[in-house]
């Protein structure tokens, strides 16, 4: 049986987590866009 590639949670969070988003201007724009919609910012 062939299993799908399992990415570790730490690697995923470092790539797409809150702090990763805050480090770039584009990522901060994404967060601000989500805030404008009115959704809570999920850190996971």
PDB file of N, CA and C in Angstrom:
ATOM      1  N   UNK A   1       0.836  -1.180   0.000  1.00  0.00           N
ATOM      2  CA  UNK A   1       0.000   0.000   0.000  1.00  0.00           C
ATOM      3  C   UNK A   1       0.886   1.250   0.000  1.00  0.00           C
ATOM      4  N   UNK A   2       0.469   2.247  -0.760  1.00  0.00           N
ATOM      5  CA  UNK A   2       1.284   3.459  -0.878  1.00  0.00           C
ATOM      6  C   UNK A   2       0.677   4.585  -0.043  1.00  0.00           C
ATOM      7  N   UNK A   3       1.491   5.126   0.860  1.00  0.00           N
ATOM      8  CA  UNK A   3       0.995   6.178   1.739  1.00  0.00           C
ATOM      9  C   UNK A   3       1.358   7.557   1.193  1.00  0.00           C
ATOM     10  N   UNK A   4       0.494   8.546   1.406  1.00  0.00           N
ATOM     11  CA  UNK A   4       0.828   9.890   0.943  1.00  0.00           C
ATOM     12  C   UNK A   4       1.954  10.484   1.773  1.00  0.00           C
ATOM     13  N   UNK A   5       2.619  11.464   1.200  1.00  0.00           N
ATOM     14  CA  UNK A   5       3.725  12.125   1.877  1.00  0.00           C
ATOM     15  C   UNK A   5       3.209  12.818   3.130  1.00  0.00           C
ATOM     16  N   UNK A   6       3.833  12.565   4.258  1.00  0.00           N
ATOM     17  CA  UNK A   6       3.384  13.168   5.507  1.00  0.00           C
ATOM     18  C   UNK A   6       4.352  14.270   5.929  1.00  0.00           C
ATOM     19  N   UNK A   7       3.886  15.518   5.797  1.00  0.00           N
ATOM     20  CA  UNK A   7       4.704  16.661   6.188  1.00  0.00           C
ATOM     21  C   UNK A   7       4.560  16.870   7.689  1.00  0.00           C
ATOM     22  N   UNK A   8       5.677  17.157   8.346  1.00  0.00           N
ATOM     23  CA  UNK A   8       5.583  17.346   9.790  1.00  0.00           C
ATOM     24  C   UNK A   8       4.845  18.647  10.090  1.00  0.00           C
ATOM     25  N   UNK A   9       4.169  18.696  11.225  1.00  0.00           N
ATOM     26  CA  UNK A   9       3.398  19.890  11.592  1.00  0.00           C
ATOM     27  C   UNK A   9       4.296  21.091  11.776  1.00  0.00           C
ATOM     28  N   UNK A  10       5.505  20.867  12.323  1.00  0.00           N
ATOM     29  CA  UNK A  10       6.422  21.982  12.553  1.00  0.00           C
ATOM     30  C   UNK A  10       6.830  22.607  11.223  1.00  0.00           C
ATOM     31  N   UNK A  11       7.162  21.750  10.237  1.00  0.00           N
ATOM     32  CA  UNK A  11       7.553  22.277   8.927  1.00  0.00           C
ATOM     33  C   UNK A  11       6.404  23.031   8.289  1.00  0.00           C
ATOM     34  N   UNK A  12       5.208  22.484   8.422  1.00  0.00           N
ATOM     35  CA  UNK A  12       4.043  23.147   7.829  1.00  0.00           C
ATOM     36  C   UNK A  12       3.813  24.506   8.476  1.00  0.00           C
ATOM     37  N   UNK A  13       3.893  24.546   9.817  1.00  0.00           N
ATOM     38  CA  UNK A  13       3.655  25.800  10.523  1.00  0.00           C
ATOM     39  C   UNK A  13       4.718  26.834  10.184  1.00  0.00           C
ATOM     40  N   UNK A  14       5.966  26.364  10.001  1.00  0.00           N
ATOM     41  CA  UNK A  14       7.027  27.321   9.670  1.00  0.00           C
ATOM     42  C   UNK A  14       6.810  27.917   8.295  1.00  0.00           C
ATOM     43  N   UNK A  15       6.110  27.149   7.439  1.00  0.00           N
ATOM     44  CA  UNK A  15       5.869  27.637   6.085  1.00  0.00           C
ATOM     45  C   UNK A  15       4.611  28.494   5.992  1.00  0.00           C
ATOM     46  N   UNK A  16       3.528  28.065   6.631  1.00  0.00           N
ATOM     47  CA  UNK A  16       2.251  28.759   6.446  1.00  0.00           C
ATOM     48  C   UNK A  16       1.636  29.272   7.736  1.00  0.00           C
ATOM     49  N   UNK A  17       2.379  29.230   8.848  1.00  0.00           N
ATOM     50  CA  UNK A  17       1.814  29.664  10.120  1.00  0.00           C
ATOM     51  C   UNK A  17       1.721  31.174  10.251  1.00  0.00           C
ATOM     52  N   UNK A  18       1.204  31.609  11.377  1.00  0.00           N
ATOM     53  CA  UNK A  18       0.989  33.035  11.638  1.00  0.00           C
ATOM     54  C   UNK A  18       2.295  33.818  11.576  1.00  0.00           C
ATOM     55  N   UNK A  19       3.320  33.293  12.232  1.00  0.00           N
ATOM     56  CA  UNK A  19       4.587  34.030  12.281  1.00  0.00           C
ATOM     57  C   UNK A  19       5.250  34.080  10.910  1.00  0.00           C
ATOM     58  N   UNK A  20       5.068  33.027  10.124  1.00  0.00           N
ATOM     59  CA  UNK A  20       5.613  33.029   8.760  1.00  0.00           C
ATOM     60  C   UNK A  20       4.912  34.095   7.927  1.00  0.00           C
ATOM     61  N   UNK A  21       3.600  34.242   8.140  1.00  0.00           N
ATOM     62  CA  UNK A  21       2.855  35.260   7.402  1.00  0.00           C
ATOM     63  C   UNK A  21       3.277  36.666   7.820  1.00  0.00           C
ATOM     64  N   UNK A  22       3.557  36.838   9.126  1.00  0.00           N
ATOM     65  CA  UNK A  22       3.905  38.163   9.629  1.00  0.00           C
ATOM     66  C   UNK A  22       5.277  38.623   9.129  1.00  0.00           C
ATOM     67  N   UNK A  23       6.103  37.708   8.650  1.00  0.00           N
ATOM     68  CA  UNK A  23       7.468  38.090   8.283  1.00  0.00           C
ATOM     69  C   UNK A  23       7.547  38.786   6.928  1.00  0.00           C
ATOM     70  N   UNK A  24       6.575  38.547   6.039  1.00  0.00           N
ATOM     71  CA  UNK A  24       6.631  39.184   4.728  1.00  0.00           C
ATOM     72  C   UNK A  24       5.494  40.184   4.586  1.00  0.00           C
ATOM     73  N   UNK A  25       5.696  41.164   3.720  1.00  0.00           N
ATOM     74  CA  UNK A  25       4.665  42.176   3.526  1.00  0.00           C
ATOM     75  C   UNK A  25       3.431  41.564   2.887  1.00  0.00           C
ATOM     76  N   UNK A  26       3.628  40.606   1.967  1.00  0.00           N
ATOM     77  CA  UNK A  26       2.485  39.944   1.328  1.00  0.00           C
ATOM     78  C   UNK A  26       1.711  39.114   2.343  1.00  0.00           C
ATOM     79  N   UNK A  27       2.438  38.461   3.247  1.00  0.00           N
ATOM     80  CA  UNK A  27       1.777  37.661   4.266  1.00  0.00           C
ATOM     81  C   UNK A  27       0.949  38.520   5.206  1.00  0.00           C
ATOM     82  N   UNK A  28       1.486  39.696   5.565  1.00  0.00           N
ATOM     83  CA  UNK A  28       0.716  40.607   6.411  1.00  0.00           C
ATOM     84  C   UNK A  28      -0.520  41.092   5.677  1.00  0.00           C
ATOM     85  N   UNK A  29      -0.405  41.251   4.357  1.00  0.00           N
ATOM     86  CA  UNK A  29      -1.565  41.669   3.560  1.00  0.00           C
ATOM     87  C   UNK A  29      -2.645  40.597   3.602  1.00  0.00           C
ATOM     88  N   UNK A  30      -2.233  39.328   3.546  1.00  0.00           N
ATOM     89  CA  UNK A  30      -3.191  38.216   3.642  1.00  0.00           C
ATOM     90  C   UNK A  30      -3.936  38.285   4.968  1.00  0.00           C
ATOM     91  N   UNK A  31      -3.175  38.474   6.071  1.00  0.00           N
ATOM     92  CA  UNK A  31      -3.803  38.523   7.393  1.00  0.00           C
ATOM     93  C   UNK A  31      -4.758  39.696   7.503  1.00  0.00           C
ATOM     94  N   UNK A  32      -4.351  40.844   6.976  1.00  0.00           N
ATOM     95  CA  UNK A  32      -5.221  42.015   7.045  1.00  0.00           C
ATOM     96  C   UNK A  32      -6.486  41.808   6.227  1.00  0.00           C
ATOM     97  N   UNK A  33      -6.342  41.125   5.090  1.00  0.00           N
ATOM     98  CA  UNK A  33      -7.514  40.839   4.266  1.00  0.00           C
ATOM     99  C   UNK A  33      -8.484  39.954   5.038  1.00  0.00           C
ATOM    100  N   UNK A  34      -7.951  38.946   5.715  1.00  0.00           N
ATOM    101  CA  UNK A  34      -8.809  38.056   6.496  1.00  0.00           C
ATOM    102  C   UNK A  34      -9.456  38.799   7.667  1.00  0.00           C
ATOM    103  N   UNK A  35      -8.693  39.730   8.268  1.00  0.00           N
ATOM    104  CA  UNK A  35      -9.251  40.522   9.365  1.00  0.00           C
ATOM    105  C   UNK A  35     -10.388  41.404   8.872  1.00  0.00           C
ATOM    106  N   UNK A  36     -10.216  41.968   7.674  1.00  0.00           N
ATOM    107  CA  UNK A  36     -11.270  42.824   7.114  1.00  0.00           C
ATOM    108  C   UNK A  36     -12.551  42.041   6.864  1.00  0.00           C
ATOM    109  N   UNK A  37     -12.397  40.780   6.422  1.00  0.00           N
ATOM    110  CA  UNK A  37     -13.574  39.940   6.223  1.00  0.00           C
ATOM    111  C   UNK A  37     -14.267  39.730   7.566  1.00  0.00           C
ATOM    112  N   UNK A  38     -13.457  39.732   8.654  1.00  0.00           N
ATOM    113  CA  UNK A  38     -14.034  39.606   9.982  1.00  0.00           C
ATOM    114  C   UNK A  38     -13.822  38.244  10.587  1.00  0.00           C
ATOM    115  N   UNK A  39     -12.930  37.470   9.982  1.00  0.00           N
ATOM    116  CA  UNK A  39     -12.698  36.155  10.565  1.00  0.00           C
ATOM    117  C   UNK A  39     -11.583  36.220  11.591  1.00  0.00           C
ATOM    118  N   UNK A  40     -11.627  35.311  12.560  1.00  0.00           N
ATOM    119  CA  UNK A  40     -10.557  35.218  13.527  1.00  0.00           C
ATOM    120  C   UNK A  40      -9.323  34.663  12.821  1.00  0.00           C
ATOM    121  N   UNK A  41      -8.154  35.135  13.188  1.00  0.00           N
ATOM    122  CA  UNK A  41      -6.934  34.672  12.567  1.00  0.00           C
ATOM    123  C   UNK A  41      -6.515  33.373  13.251  1.00  0.00           C
ATOM    124  N   UNK A  42      -6.598  32.278  12.521  1.00  0.00           N
ATOM    125  CA  UNK A  42      -6.179  30.988  13.069  1.00  0.00           C
ATOM    126  C   UNK A  42      -4.652  30.894  12.972  1.00  0.00           C
ATOM    127  N   UNK A  43      -4.040  30.413  14.030  1.00  0.00           N
ATOM    128  CA  UNK A  43      -2.591  30.333  14.012  1.00  0.00           C
ATOM    129  C   UNK A  43      -2.117  29.004  13.459  1.00  0.00           C
ATOM    130  N   UNK A  44      -3.003  28.067  13.266  1.00  0.00           N
ATOM    131  CA  UNK A  44      -2.548  26.770  12.784  1.00  0.00           C
ATOM    132  C   UNK A  44      -2.650  26.739  11.285  1.00  0.00           C
TER     133      UNK A  44
END
